[in-house]
PDB file of N, CA and C in Angstrom:
ATOM      1  N   ILE A   1       8.812 -12.935   7.913  1.00  0.00           N
ATOM      2  CA  ILE A   1       7.429 -12.602   7.681  1.00  0.00           C
ATOM      3  C   ILE A   1       6.690 -14.254   7.736  1.00  0.00           C
ATOM      4  N   THR A   2       5.837 -14.276   8.671  1.00  0.00           N
ATOM      5  CA  THR A   2       5.057 -15.559   8.636  1.00  0.00           C
ATOM      6  C   THR A   2       3.463 -15.431   8.755  1.00  0.00           C
ATOM      7  N   CYS A   3       2.983 -15.942   8.090  1.00  0.00           N
ATOM      8  CA  CYS A   3       1.313 -15.782   8.031  1.00  0.00           C
ATOM      9  C   CYS A   3       0.690 -16.934   7.862  1.00  0.00           C
ATOM     10  N   ARG A   4      -0.550 -16.990   8.324  1.00  0.00           N
ATOM     11  CA  ARG A   4      -1.504 -18.168   8.224  1.00  0.00           C
ATOM     12  C   ARG A   4      -2.451 -18.080   7.005  1.00  0.00           C
ATOM     13  N   ALA A   5      -2.511 -18.980   6.217  1.00  0.00           N
ATOM     14  CA  ALA A   5      -3.339 -18.960   5.025  1.00  0.00           C
ATOM     15  C   ALA A   5      -4.179 -20.108   4.921  1.00  0.00           C
ATOM     16  N   LYS A   6      -5.108 -19.999   3.842  1.00  0.00           N
ATOM     17  CA  LYS A   6      -5.976 -21.123   3.554  1.00  0.00           C
ATOM     18  C   LYS A   6      -5.992 -21.381   2.000  1.00  0.00           C
ATOM     19  N   HIS A   7      -5.747 -22.492   1.799  1.00  0.00           N
ATOM     20  CA  HIS A   7      -5.782 -23.033   0.307  1.00  0.00           C
ATOM     21  C   HIS A   7      -7.114 -23.055  -0.233  1.00  0.00           C
ATOM     22  N   VAL A   8      -7.374 -22.422  -1.261  1.00  0.00           N
ATOM     23  CA  VAL A   8      -8.799 -22.143  -1.800  1.00  0.00           C
ATOM     24  C   VAL A   8      -9.477 -23.375  -2.288  1.00  0.00           C
ATOM     25  N   GLU A   9      -8.659 -24.271  -3.027  1.00  0.00           N
ATOM     26  CA  GLU A   9      -9.212 -25.348  -3.596  1.00  0.00           C
ATOM     27  C   GLU A   9      -9.296 -26.488  -2.555  1.00  0.00           C
ATOM     28  N   HIS A  10      -8.361 -26.604  -1.757  1.00  0.00           N
ATOM     29  CA  HIS A  10      -8.230 -27.876  -0.856  1.00  0.00           C
ATOM     30  C   HIS A  10      -8.792 -27.644   0.732  1.00  0.00           C
ATOM     31  N   ASN A  11      -9.257 -26.110   0.797  1.00  0.00           N
ATOM     32  CA  ASN A  11      -9.606 -25.733   1.944  1.00  0.00           C
ATOM     33  C   ASN A  11      -8.990 -26.229   3.159  1.00  0.00           C
ATOM     34  N   GLU A  12      -7.426 -26.235   2.880  1.00  0.00           N
ATOM     35  CA  GLU A  12      -6.557 -26.437   3.996  1.00  0.00           C
ATOM     36  C   GLU A  12      -5.916 -25.320   4.460  1.00  0.00           C
ATOM     37  N   LYS A  13      -5.845 -25.087   5.894  1.00  0.00           N
ATOM     38  CA  LYS A  13      -5.123 -23.876   6.499  1.00  0.00           C
ATOM     39  C   LYS A  13      -3.746 -24.365   6.521  1.00  0.00           C
ATOM     40  N   PHE A  14      -2.565 -23.393   6.398  1.00  0.00           N
ATOM     41  CA  PHE A  14      -1.162 -23.650   6.488  1.00  0.00           C
ATOM     42  C   PHE A  14      -0.476 -22.412   6.964  1.00  0.00           C
ATOM     43  N   ILE A  15       0.706 -22.540   7.144  1.00  0.00           N
ATOM     44  CA  ILE A  15       1.581 -21.466   7.777  1.00  0.00           C
ATOM     45  C   ILE A  15       2.679 -21.360   6.595  1.00  0.00           C
ATOM     46  N   PHE A  16       3.036 -20.025   6.091  1.00  0.00           N
ATOM     47  CA  PHE A  16       3.912 -19.757   5.379  1.00  0.00           C
ATOM     48  C   PHE A  16       4.827 -18.834   5.764  1.00  0.00           C
ATOM     49  N   SER A  17       6.073 -19.055   5.784  1.00  0.00           N
ATOM     50  CA  SER A  17       7.210 -18.047   6.181  1.00  0.00           C
ATOM     51  C   SER A  17       7.998 -17.650   5.178  1.00  0.00           C
ATOM     52  N   LEU A  18       8.376 -16.203   4.930  1.00  0.00           N
ATOM     53  CA  LEU A  18       9.451 -15.662   4.084  1.00  0.00           C
ATOM     54  C   LEU A  18      10.380 -15.279   5.004  1.00  0.00           C
ATOM     55  N   LEU A  19      11.731 -15.740   4.966  1.00  0.00           N
ATOM     56  CA  LEU A  19      12.712 -15.031   5.783  1.00  0.00           C
ATOM     57  C   LEU A  19      13.951 -14.688   5.095  1.00  0.00           C
ATOM     58  N   TYR A  20      14.771 -13.670   5.724  1.00  0.00           N
ATOM     59  CA  TYR A  20      16.113 -13.475   5.403  1.00  0.00           C
ATOM     60  C   TYR A  20      16.971 -13.753   6.798  1.00  0.00           C
ATOM     61  N   ALA A  21      17.894 -14.444   6.717  1.00  0.00           N
ATOM     62  CA  ALA A  21      18.862 -14.704   7.845  1.00  0.00           C
ATOM     63  C   ALA A  21      19.920 -13.878   7.811  1.00  0.00           C
ATOM     64  N   LYS A  22      20.548 -13.497   8.918  1.00  0.00           N
ATOM     65  CA  LYS A  22      21.555 -12.511   9.000  1.00  0.00           C
ATOM     66  C   LYS A  22      22.810 -13.344   8.706  1.00  0.00           C
ATOM     67  N   CYS A  23      23.829 -12.468   8.201  1.00  0.00           N
ATOM     68  CA  CYS A  23      25.119 -13.195   7.737  1.00  0.00           C
ATOM     69  C   CYS A  23      25.890 -13.730   8.932  1.00  0.00           C
ATOM     70  N   LYS A  24      25.837 -13.209  10.105  1.00  0.00           N
ATOM     71  CA  LYS A  24      26.615 -13.597  11.236  1.00  0.00           C
ATOM     72  C   LYS A  24      25.841 -14.821  12.017  1.00  0.00           C
ATOM     73  N   GLU A  25      26.624 -15.825  12.400  1.00  0.00           N
ATOM     74  CA  GLU A  25      26.026 -16.958  13.066  1.00  0.00           C
ATOM     75  C   GLU A  25      25.213 -16.705  14.345  1.00  0.00           C
ATOM     76  N   HIS A  26      25.908 -15.845  15.057  1.00  0.00           N
ATOM     77  CA  HIS A  26      25.116 -15.522  16.371  1.00  0.00           C
ATOM     78  C   HIS A  26      23.917 -14.719  16.241  1.00  0.00           C
ATOM     79  N   LEU A  27      24.053 -13.829  15.125  1.00  0.00           N
ATOM     80  CA  LEU A  27      22.783 -13.039  14.949  1.00  0.00           C
ATOM     81  C   LEU A  27      21.446 -13.870  14.232  1.00  0.00           C
ATOM     82  N   ARG A  28      21.818 -15.147  13.901  1.00  0.00           N
ATOM     83  CA  ARG A  28      20.745 -15.881  13.238  1.00  0.00           C
ATOM     84  C   ARG A  28      19.966 -16.641  14.361  1.00  0.00           C
ATOM     85  N   ARG A  29      20.642 -16.659  15.480  1.00  0.00           N
ATOM     86  CA  ARG A  29      20.033 -17.749  16.501  1.00  0.00           C
ATOM     87  C   ARG A  29      18.578 -17.281  16.930  1.00  0.00           C
ATOM     88  N   PRO A  30      18.250 -15.949  17.115  1.00  0.00           N
ATOM     89  CA  PRO A  30      16.902 -15.718  17.386  1.00  0.00           C
ATOM     90  C   PRO A  30      16.006 -16.087  16.153  1.00  0.00           C
ATOM     91  N   LEU A  31      16.496 -16.033  15.012  1.00  0.00           N
ATOM     92  CA  LEU A  31      15.615 -16.525  13.871  1.00  0.00           C
ATOM     93  C   LEU A  31      15.242 -18.136  13.924  1.00  0.00           C
ATOM     94  N   TRP A  32      16.365 -18.902  14.407  1.00  0.00           N
ATOM     95  CA  TRP A  32      16.449 -20.294  14.446  1.00  0.00           C
ATOM     96  C   TRP A  32      15.119 -20.609  15.648  1.00  0.00           C
ATOM     97  N   GLU A  33      15.504 -19.765  16.794  1.00  0.00           N
ATOM     98  CA  GLU A  33      14.276 -20.013  17.826  1.00  0.00           C
ATOM     99  C   GLU A  33      12.806 -19.625  17.392  1.00  0.00           C
ATOM    100  N   ARG A  34      12.771 -18.728  16.532  1.00  0.00           N
ATOM    101  CA  ARG A  34      11.257 -18.506  16.029  1.00  0.00           C
ATOM    102  C   ARG A  34      10.906 -19.460  15.117  1.00  0.00           C
ATOM    103  N   LEU A  35      11.776 -20.095  14.361  1.00  0.00           N
ATOM    104  CA  LEU A  35      11.435 -21.051  13.404  1.00  0.00           C
ATOM    105  C   LEU A  35      10.930 -22.298  14.238  1.00  0.00           C
ATOM    106  N   TYR A  36      11.738 -22.811  15.171  1.00  0.00           N
ATOM    107  CA  TYR A  36      11.395 -23.866  16.119  1.00  0.00           C
ATOM    108  C   TYR A  36       9.982 -23.493  16.632  1.00  0.00           C
ATOM    109  N   HIS A  37       9.576 -22.420  17.150  1.00  0.00           N
ATOM    110  CA  HIS A  37       8.453 -22.049  17.814  1.00  0.00           C
ATOM    111  C   HIS A  37       7.360 -22.107  16.745  1.00  0.00           C
ATOM    112  N   ILE A  38       7.580 -21.979  15.586  1.00  0.00           N
ATOM    113  CA  ILE A  38       6.442 -22.088  14.393  1.00  0.00           C
ATOM    114  C   ILE A  38       6.411 -23.584  14.172  1.00  0.00           C
ATOM    115  N   SER A  39       7.574 -24.298  14.149  1.00  0.00           N
ATOM    116  CA  SER A  39       7.336 -25.570  13.843  1.00  0.00           C
ATOM    117  C   SER A  39       6.381 -26.571  14.795  1.00  0.00           C
ATOM    118  N   ASN A  40       6.134 -25.889  16.208  1.00  0.00           N
ATOM    119  CA  ASN A  40       5.468 -26.622  16.983  1.00  0.00           C
ATOM    120  C   ASN A  40       3.969 -26.315  17.041  1.00  0.00           C
ATOM    121  N   MET A  41       3.541 -25.377  16.174  1.00  0.00           N
ATOM    122  CA  MET A  41       2.224 -25.056  15.813  1.00  0.00           C
ATOM    123  C   MET A  41       1.187 -26.097  15.226  1.00  0.00           C
ATOM    124  N   GLY A  42       2.058 -27.243  14.711  1.00  0.00           N
ATOM    125  CA  GLY A  42       1.203 -28.418  14.291  1.00  0.00           C
ATOM    126  C   GLY A  42       0.480 -28.163  12.875  1.00  0.00           C
ATOM    127  N   SER A  43       0.736 -27.158  12.119  1.00  0.00           N
ATOM    128  CA  SER A  43       0.155 -26.846  10.911  1.00  0.00           C
ATOM    129  C   SER A  43       1.120 -27.326   9.765  1.00  0.00           C
ATOM    130  N   PRO A  44       0.363 -27.546   8.625  1.00  0.00           N
ATOM    131  CA  PRO A  44       1.334 -27.646   7.516  1.00  0.00           C
ATOM    132  C   PRO A  44       2.036 -26.264   7.207  1.00  0.00           C
ATOM    133  N   TRP A  45       3.515 -26.419   6.935  1.00  0.00           N
ATOM    134  CA  TRP A  45       4.275 -25.267   7.085  1.00  0.00           C
ATOM    135  C   TRP A  45       5.232 -25.292   5.945  1.00  0.00           C
ATOM    136  N   CYS A  46       5.450 -24.127   5.248  1.00  0.00           N
ATOM    137  CA  CYS A  46       6.742 -23.956   4.232  1.00  0.00           C
ATOM    138  C   CYS A  46       7.409 -22.742   4.462  1.00  0.00           C
ATOM    139  N   THR A  47       8.608 -22.754   4.666  1.00  0.00           N
ATOM    140  CA  THR A  47       9.519 -21.566   4.701  1.00  0.00           C
ATOM    141  C   THR A  47      10.438 -21.432   3.647  1.00  0.00           C
ATOM    142  N   ILE A  48      10.528 -20.291   3.111  1.00  0.00           N
ATOM    143  CA  ILE A  48      11.239 -20.010   1.970  1.00  0.00           C
ATOM    144  C   ILE A  48      12.083 -18.861   2.068  1.00  0.00           C
ATOM    145  N   GLY A  49      13.441 -18.641   1.695  1.00  0.00           N
ATOM    146  CA  GLY A  49      14.193 -17.542   1.965  1.00  0.00           C
ATOM    147  C   GLY A  49      15.659 -17.653   1.771  1.00  0.00           C
ATOM    148  N   ASP A  50      16.288 -16.748   2.276  1.00  0.00           N
ATOM    149  CA  ASP A  50      17.841 -16.854   2.297  1.00  0.00           C
ATOM    150  C   ASP A  50      18.198 -17.196   3.598  1.00  0.00           C
ATOM    151  N   PHE A  51      18.916 -18.335   3.796  1.00  0.00           N
ATOM    152  CA  PHE A  51      19.186 -18.697   5.107  1.00  0.00           C
ATOM    153  C   PHE A  51      20.640 -18.195   5.424  1.00  0.00           C
ATOM    154  N   ASN A  52      21.262 -17.823   4.333  1.00  0.00           N
ATOM    155  CA  ASN A  52      22.679 -17.465   4.617  1.00  0.00           C
ATOM    156  C   ASN A  52      23.570 -18.518   5.226  1.00  0.00           C
ATOM    157  N   VAL A  53      23.241 -19.689   5.130  1.00  0.00           N
ATOM    158  CA  VAL A  53      24.058 -20.752   5.383  1.00  0.00           C
ATOM    159  C   VAL A  53      23.911 -22.036   4.696  1.00  0.00           C
ATOM    160  N   ILE A  54      25.132 -22.917   4.479  1.00  0.00           N
ATOM    161  CA  ILE A  54      24.732 -24.110   3.638  1.00  0.00           C
ATOM    162  C   ILE A  54      24.656 -25.340   4.525  1.00  0.00           C
ATOM    163  N   THR A  55      24.196 -26.388   3.892  1.00  0.00           N
ATOM    164  CA  THR A  55      23.935 -27.436   4.775  1.00  0.00           C
ATOM    165  C   THR A  55      25.028 -28.484   4.484  1.00  0.00           C
ATOM    166  N   SER A  56      25.884 -28.434   3.256  1.00  0.00           N
ATOM    167  CA  SER A  56      26.908 -29.426   3.124  1.00  0.00           C
ATOM    168  C   SER A  56      28.041 -28.765   2.185  1.00  0.00           C
ATOM    169  N   THR A  57      29.098 -29.378   2.105  1.00  0.00           N
ATOM    170  CA  THR A  57      30.143 -28.815   1.203  1.00  0.00           C
ATOM    171  C   THR A  57      29.810 -28.646  -0.292  1.00  0.00           C
ATOM    172  N   ASP A  58      28.924 -29.534  -0.674  1.00  0.00           N
ATOM    173  CA  ASP A  58      28.418 -29.552  -2.009  1.00  0.00           C
ATOM    174  C   ASP A  58      27.700 -28.232  -2.456  1.00  0.00           C
ATOM    175  N   GLU A  59      27.322 -27.473  -1.290  1.00  0.00           N
ATOM    176  CA  GLU A  59      26.621 -26.282  -1.632  1.00  0.00           C
ATOM    177  C   GLU A  59      27.513 -24.969  -1.757  1.00  0.00           C
ATOM    178  N   LYS A  60      28.784 -25.276  -1.866  1.00  0.00           N
ATOM    179  CA  LYS A  60      29.873 -24.190  -2.174  1.00  0.00           C
ATOM    180  C   LYS A  60      30.657 -24.441  -2.822  1.00  0.00           C
ATOM    181  N   HIS A  61      31.168 -23.438  -3.864  1.00  0.00           N
ATOM    182  CA  HIS A  61      32.127 -23.728  -4.789  1.00  0.00           C
ATOM    183  C   HIS A  61      33.002 -22.362  -4.851  1.00  0.00           C
ATOM    184  N   GLY A  62      34.326 -22.888  -4.752  1.00  0.00           N
ATOM    185  CA  GLY A  62      35.530 -21.805  -4.880  1.00  0.00           C
ATOM    186  C   GLY A  62      35.751 -21.326  -3.438  1.00  0.00           C
ATOM    187  N   GLY A  63      36.986 -20.449  -3.361  1.00  0.00           N
ATOM    188  CA  GLY A  63      37.277 -19.803  -2.053  1.00  0.00           C
ATOM    189  C   GLY A  63      38.046 -20.790  -1.294  1.00  0.00           C
ATOM    190  N   ILE A  64      38.131 -20.524   0.060  1.00  0.00           N
ATOM    191  CA  ILE A  64      38.809 -21.454   0.987  1.00  0.00           C
ATOM    192  C   ILE A  64      37.837 -22.427   1.424  1.00  0.00           C
ATOM    193  N   PRO A  65      38.273 -23.719   1.915  1.00  0.00           N
ATOM    194  CA  PRO A  65      37.429 -24.727   2.181  1.00  0.00           C
ATOM    195  C   PRO A  65      36.376 -24.366   3.246  1.00  0.00           C
ATOM    196  N   TYR A  66      35.235 -24.800   3.400  1.00  0.00           N
ATOM    197  CA  TYR A  66      34.133 -24.448   4.148  1.00  0.00           C
ATOM    198  C   TYR A  66      34.218 -25.080   5.595  1.00  0.00           C
ATOM    199  N   ASN A  67      34.332 -24.521   6.703  1.00  0.00           N
ATOM    200  CA  ASN A  67      34.154 -25.185   7.907  1.00  0.00           C
ATOM    201  C   ASN A  67      32.807 -25.588   8.320  1.00  0.00           C
ATOM    202  N   MET A  68      32.333 -26.833   8.303  1.00  0.00           N
ATOM    203  CA  MET A  68      31.012 -27.244   8.362  1.00  0.00           C
ATOM    204  C   MET A  68      30.424 -27.022   9.841  1.00  0.00           C
ATOM    205  N   ASN A  69      31.464 -26.690  10.732  1.00  0.00           N
ATOM    206  CA  ASN A  69      31.103 -26.473  12.161  1.00  0.00           C
ATOM    207  C   ASN A  69      30.079 -25.023  12.092  1.00  0.00           C
ATOM    208  N   LYS A  70      30.270 -24.264  11.019  1.00  0.00           N
ATOM    209  CA  LYS A  70      29.482 -22.972  10.942  1.00  0.00           C
ATOM    210  C   LYS A  70      28.021 -23.278  10.460  1.00  0.00           C
ATOM    211  N   SER A  71      27.874 -24.559  10.043  1.00  0.00           N
ATOM    212  CA  SER A  71      26.447 -25.089   9.815  1.00  0.00           C
ATOM    213  C   SER A  71      25.696 -25.778  10.660  1.00  0.00           C
ATOM    214  N   LEU A  72      26.281 -26.096  11.824  1.00  0.00           N
ATOM    215  CA  LEU A  72      25.913 -27.098  12.772  1.00  0.00           C
ATOM    216  C   LEU A  72      24.415 -26.514  13.364  1.00  0.00           C
ATOM    217  N   GLU A  73      24.367 -25.356  13.739  1.00  0.00           N
ATOM    218  CA  GLU A  73      23.216 -25.034  14.390  1.00  0.00           C
ATOM    219  C   GLU A  73      22.046 -25.022  13.383  1.00  0.00           C
ATOM    220  N   PHE A  74      22.451 -24.617  12.158  1.00  0.00           N
ATOM    221  CA  PHE A  74      21.229 -24.655  11.316  1.00  0.00           C
ATOM    222  C   PHE A  74      20.770 -26.092  10.827  1.00  0.00           C
ATOM    223  N   ILE A  75      21.728 -27.023  10.780  1.00  0.00           N
ATOM    224  CA  ILE A  75      21.439 -28.437  10.393  1.00  0.00           C
ATOM    225  C   ILE A  75      20.548 -28.962  11.801  1.00  0.00           C
ATOM    226  N   ASP A  76      20.944 -28.589  12.981  1.00  0.00           N
ATOM    227  CA  ASP A  76      20.101 -28.946  14.164  1.00  0.00           C
ATOM    228  C   ASP A  76      18.842 -28.307  14.061  1.00  0.00           C
ATOM    229  N   ILE A  77      18.744 -27.127  13.697  1.00  0.00           N
ATOM    230  CA  ILE A  77      17.246 -26.548  13.762  1.00  0.00           C
ATOM    231  C   ILE A  77      16.463 -27.194  12.595  1.00  0.00           C
ATOM    232  N   ILE A  78      17.016 -27.486  11.570  1.00  0.00           N
ATOM    233  CA  ILE A  78      16.266 -28.040  10.469  1.00  0.00           C
ATOM    234  C   ILE A  78      15.595 -29.561  11.066  1.00  0.00           C
ATOM    235  N   GLU A  79      16.596 -30.279  11.854  1.00  0.00           N
ATOM    236  CA  GLU A  79      16.045 -31.565  12.384  1.00  0.00           C
ATOM    237  C   GLU A  79      15.080 -31.345  13.469  1.00  0.00           C
ATOM    238  N   ALA A  80      15.311 -30.355  14.232  1.00  0.00           N
ATOM    239  CA  ALA A  80      14.442 -30.122  15.411  1.00  0.00           C
ATOM    240  C   ALA A  80      12.922 -29.530  14.970  1.00  0.00           C
ATOM    241  N   CYS A  81      12.978 -28.825  13.762  1.00  0.00           N
ATOM    242  CA  CYS A  81      11.704 -28.423  13.390  1.00  0.00           C
ATOM    243  C   CYS A  81      11.079 -29.392  12.572  1.00  0.00           C
ATOM    244  N   GLY A  82      11.768 -30.553  11.985  1.00  0.00           N
ATOM    245  CA  GLY A  82      11.051 -31.528  11.244  1.00  0.00           C
ATOM    246  C   GLY A  82      10.876 -30.964   9.839  1.00  0.00           C
ATOM    247  N   ILE A  83      11.657 -30.155   9.410  1.00  0.00           N
ATOM    248  CA  ILE A  83      11.419 -29.628   7.799  1.00  0.00           C
ATOM    249  C   ILE A  83      12.602 -30.233   6.997  1.00  0.00           C
ATOM    250  N   MET A  84      12.313 -30.199   5.727  1.00  0.00           N
ATOM    251  CA  MET A  84      13.162 -30.770   4.779  1.00  0.00           C
ATOM    252  C   MET A  84      13.115 -29.941   3.636  1.00  0.00           C
ATOM    253  N   ASP A  85      14.370 -29.694   3.074  1.00  0.00           N
ATOM    254  CA  ASP A  85      14.518 -28.949   1.824  1.00  0.00           C
ATOM    255  C   ASP A  85      13.864 -29.915   0.603  1.00  0.00           C
ATOM    256  N   ILE A  86      13.122 -29.022  -0.029  1.00  0.00           N
ATOM    257  CA  ILE A  86      12.252 -29.552  -1.362  1.00  0.00           C
ATOM    258  C   ILE A  86      13.021 -29.538  -2.657  1.00  0.00           C
ATOM    259  N   GLY A  87      14.111 -28.972  -2.561  1.00  0.00           N
ATOM    260  CA  GLY A  87      15.151 -28.921  -3.764  1.00  0.00           C
ATOM    261  C   GLY A  87      14.788 -27.852  -4.548  1.00  0.00           C
ATOM    262  N   TYR A  88      15.230 -27.777  -5.696  1.00  0.00           N
ATOM    263  CA  TYR A  88      15.371 -26.655  -6.631  1.00  0.00           C
ATOM    264  C   TYR A  88      15.254 -27.132  -8.000  1.00  0.00           C
ATOM    265  N   SER A  89      15.087 -25.954  -8.845  1.00  0.00           N
ATOM    266  CA  SER A  89      15.308 -26.237 -10.276  1.00  0.00           C
ATOM    267  C   SER A  89      16.021 -25.120 -10.788  1.00  0.00           C
ATOM    268  N   GLY A  90      16.890 -25.149 -11.906  1.00  0.00           N
ATOM    269  CA  GLY A  90      17.740 -24.054 -12.182  1.00  0.00           C
ATOM    270  C   GLY A  90      19.117 -24.163 -11.696  1.00  0.00           C
ATOM    271  N   GLN A  91      19.664 -23.191 -11.669  1.00  0.00           N
ATOM    272  CA  GLN A  91      21.105 -22.851 -10.938  1.00  0.00           C
ATOM    273  C   GLN A  91      21.205 -23.576  -9.723  1.00  0.00           C
ATOM    274  N   HIS A  92      22.318 -24.297  -9.514  1.00  0.00           N
ATOM    275  CA  HIS A  92      22.587 -24.877  -8.189  1.00  0.00           C
ATOM    276  C   HIS A  92      22.953 -23.852  -7.110  1.00  0.00           C
ATOM    277  N   TYR A  93      23.666 -22.745  -7.496  1.00  0.00           N
ATOM    278  CA  TYR A  93      24.007 -21.773  -6.577  1.00  0.00           C
ATOM    279  C   TYR A  93      23.297 -20.718  -6.519  1.00  0.00           C
ATOM    280  N   THR A  94      22.927 -20.045  -5.509  1.00  0.00           N
ATOM    281  CA  THR A  94      21.828 -18.956  -5.463  1.00  0.00           C
ATOM    282  C   THR A  94      22.683 -17.553  -5.197  1.00  0.00           C
ATOM    283  N   TRP A  95      23.780 -17.549  -4.882  1.00  0.00           N
ATOM    284  CA  TRP A  95      24.675 -16.371  -4.473  1.00  0.00           C
ATOM    285  C   TRP A  95      25.987 -16.461  -5.071  1.00  0.00           C
ATOM    286  N   CYS A  96      26.562 -15.380  -5.384  1.00  0.00           N
ATOM    287  CA  CYS A  96      27.970 -15.454  -5.878  1.00  0.00           C
ATOM    288  C   CYS A  96      28.567 -13.834  -5.293  1.00  0.00           C
ATOM    289  N   ASN A  97      29.724 -14.033  -4.846  1.00  0.00           N
ATOM    290  CA  ASN A  97      30.440 -12.716  -4.305  1.00  0.00           C
ATOM    291  C   ASN A  97      30.699 -11.810  -5.398  1.00  0.00           C
ATOM    292  N   GLN A  98      30.668 -12.268  -6.712  1.00  0.00           N
ATOM    293  CA  GLN A  98      31.183 -11.377  -7.950  1.00  0.00           C
ATOM    294  C   GLN A  98      32.529 -11.022  -7.993  1.00  0.00           C
ATOM    295  N   ARG A  99      33.457 -11.626  -7.229  1.00  0.00           N
ATOM    296  CA  ARG A  99      34.905 -11.424  -7.297  1.00  0.00           C
ATOM    297  C   ARG A  99      35.450 -12.161  -8.712  1.00  0.00           C
ATOM    298  N   SER A 100      36.555 -11.913  -9.063  1.00  0.00           N
ATOM    299  CA  SER A 100      37.210 -12.658 -10.395  1.00  0.00           C
ATOM    300  C   SER A 100      38.085 -13.818  -9.988  1.00  0.00           C
ATOM    301  N   ASP A 101      38.190 -14.629 -10.918  1.00  0.00           N
ATOM    302  CA  ASP A 101      38.943 -15.661 -10.875  1.00  0.00           C
ATOM    303  C   ASP A 101      39.020 -16.596  -9.641  1.00  0.00           C
ATOM    304  N   GLU A 102      40.231 -16.754  -8.982  1.00  0.00           N
ATOM    305  CA  GLU A 102      40.135 -17.695  -7.880  1.00  0.00           C
ATOM    306  C   GLU A 102      39.459 -17.120  -6.624  1.00  0.00           C
ATOM    307  N   ALA A 103      39.068 -15.897  -6.621  1.00  0.00           N
ATOM    308  CA  ALA A 103      38.688 -15.291  -5.477  1.00  0.00           C
ATOM    309  C   ALA A 103      37.060 -15.468  -5.559  1.00  0.00           C
ATOM    310  N   ARG A 104      36.452 -15.936  -6.637  1.00  0.00           N
ATOM    311  CA  ARG A 104      35.241 -16.160  -6.683  1.00  0.00           C
ATOM    312  C   ARG A 104      34.515 -17.309  -6.003  1.00  0.00           C
ATOM    313  N   VAL A 105      33.287 -17.001  -5.146  1.00  0.00           N
ATOM    314  CA  VAL A 105      32.843 -18.037  -4.676  1.00  0.00           C
ATOM    315  C   VAL A 105      31.080 -18.120  -4.952  1.00  0.00           C
ATOM    316  N   TRP A 106      30.785 -19.240  -5.061  1.00  0.00           N
ATOM    317  CA  TRP A 106      29.345 -19.370  -5.252  1.00  0.00           C
ATOM    318  C   TRP A 106      28.839 -20.316  -3.985  1.00  0.00           C
ATOM    319  N   LYS A 107      27.452 -20.023  -3.594  1.00  0.00           N
ATOM    320  CA  LYS A 107      27.003 -20.898  -2.489  1.00  0.00           C
ATOM    321  C   LYS A 107      25.548 -21.056  -2.701  1.00  0.00           C
ATOM    322  N   ARG A 108      24.758 -21.951  -2.276  1.00  0.00           N
ATOM    323  CA  ARG A 108      23.383 -22.235  -2.318  1.00  0.00           C
ATOM    324  C   ARG A 108      23.018 -21.662  -0.981  1.00  0.00           C
ATOM    325  N   LEU A 109      22.485 -20.514  -0.885  1.00  0.00           N
ATOM    326  CA  LEU A 109      21.926 -19.966   0.367  1.00  0.00           C
ATOM    327  C   LEU A 109      20.458 -19.903   0.632  1.00  0.00           C
ATOM    328  N   ASP A 110      19.890 -19.960  -0.655  1.00  0.00           N
ATOM    329  CA  ASP A 110      18.292 -19.804  -0.664  1.00  0.00           C
ATOM    330  C   ASP A 110      17.715 -21.135  -0.902  1.00  0.00           C
ATOM    331  N   ARG A 111      16.571 -21.608  -0.213  1.00  0.00           N
ATOM    332  CA  ARG A 111      15.995 -22.698  -0.137  1.00  0.00           C
ATOM    333  C   ARG A 111      14.480 -22.425   0.252  1.00  0.00           C
ATOM    334  N   ALA A 112      13.786 -23.650  -0.197  1.00  0.00           N
ATOM    335  CA  ALA A 112      12.458 -23.838   0.388  1.00  0.00           C
ATOM    336  C   ALA A 112      12.280 -24.985   1.180  1.00  0.00           C
ATOM    337  N   MET A 113      11.696 -25.050   2.391  1.00  0.00           N
ATOM    338  CA  MET A 113      11.621 -26.026   3.287  1.00  0.00           C
ATOM    339  C   MET A 113      10.270 -26.448   3.785  1.00  0.00           C
ATOM    340  N   VAL A 114       9.850 -27.579   3.751  1.00  0.00           N
ATOM    341  CA  VAL A 114       8.537 -27.801   4.305  1.00  0.00           C
ATOM    342  C   VAL A 114       8.489 -28.962   5.415  1.00  0.00           C
ATOM    343  N   ASN A 115       7.422 -29.131   6.098  1.00  0.00           N
ATOM    344  CA  ASN A 115       7.346 -30.097   6.993  1.00  0.00           C
ATOM    345  C   ASN A 115       6.383 -31.399   6.387  1.00  0.00           C
ATOM    346  N   ASP A 116       6.271 -32.509   7.233  1.00  0.00           N
ATOM    347  CA  ASP A 116       5.651 -33.504   6.725  1.00  0.00           C
ATOM    348  C   ASP A 116       4.273 -33.306   6.494  1.00  0.00           C
ATOM    349  N   LYS A 117       3.639 -32.482   7.299  1.00  0.00           N
ATOM    350  CA  LYS A 117       2.111 -32.083   7.060  1.00  0.00           C
ATOM    351  C   LYS A 117       1.947 -31.189   5.772  1.00  0.00           C
ATOM    352  N   TRP A 118       3.014 -30.467   5.460  1.00  0.00           N
ATOM    353  CA  TRP A 118       2.803 -29.783   4.269  1.00  0.00           C
ATOM    354  C   TRP A 118       2.622 -30.597   2.999  1.00  0.00           C
ATOM    355  N   LEU A 119       3.713 -31.643   3.061  1.00  0.00           N
ATOM    356  CA  LEU A 119       3.599 -32.754   2.010  1.00  0.00           C
ATOM    357  C   LEU A 119       2.442 -33.696   1.950  1.00  0.00           C
ATOM    358  N   GLU A 120       1.711 -33.762   2.807  1.00  0.00           N
ATOM    359  CA  GLU A 120       0.667 -34.622   2.885  1.00  0.00           C
ATOM    360  C   GLU A 120      -0.647 -33.751   2.335  1.00  0.00           C
ATOM    361  N   CYS A 121      -0.568 -32.578   2.532  1.00  0.00           N
ATOM    362  CA  CYS A 121      -1.936 -31.789   2.077  1.00  0.00           C
ATOM    363  C   CYS A 121      -1.580 -30.928   1.059  1.00  0.00           C
ATOM    364  N   MET A 122      -0.273 -30.747   0.630  1.00  0.00           N
ATOM    365  CA  MET A 122      -0.111 -29.926  -0.693  1.00  0.00           C
ATOM    366  C   MET A 122       0.709 -30.603  -1.674  1.00  0.00           C
ATOM    367  N   PRO A 123       0.079 -31.546  -2.404  1.00  0.00           N
ATOM    368  CA  PRO A 123       0.794 -32.416  -3.361  1.00  0.00           C
ATOM    369  C   PRO A 123       1.442 -31.647  -4.440  1.00  0.00           C
TER     370      PRO A 123
END
C-alpha cells in the first residue's frame, strides 16, 4: 500500500508505503521493481513493513548458516532506491519460527527505511 500524504504541521507532502514481501525470492522481484519506481518520484519517502529478507548475517540467529546471496537483490534495490534503514528500538529480531532448541531461528525481517529527502523534512 502506497499513499501520498501531507504533514499538517510542516505542510510537507510525502510518500508512505506499507508492505509485505513474499517469502520466495523470485516472488519479491515485482515488489522491488515497484519500490524502485516509487523512489524515482522525487518526494520524501518512508517505507515500512516485512521485507522477508535480511541484509547481514547479524540479522539472523540460529539454524543453518545464512547464504548472503539470497539478500543481494534486496541490498541492490536498497542502494538503487537511495533508502536507508532508520534502525529500531526494542527486540533485535522481529520474527521467530517458534521451533524448539537448536531448530529455533530468529531474524530481523521488519524494518523502516527512508530516503534523504525524508530525513531533511521529517526530523
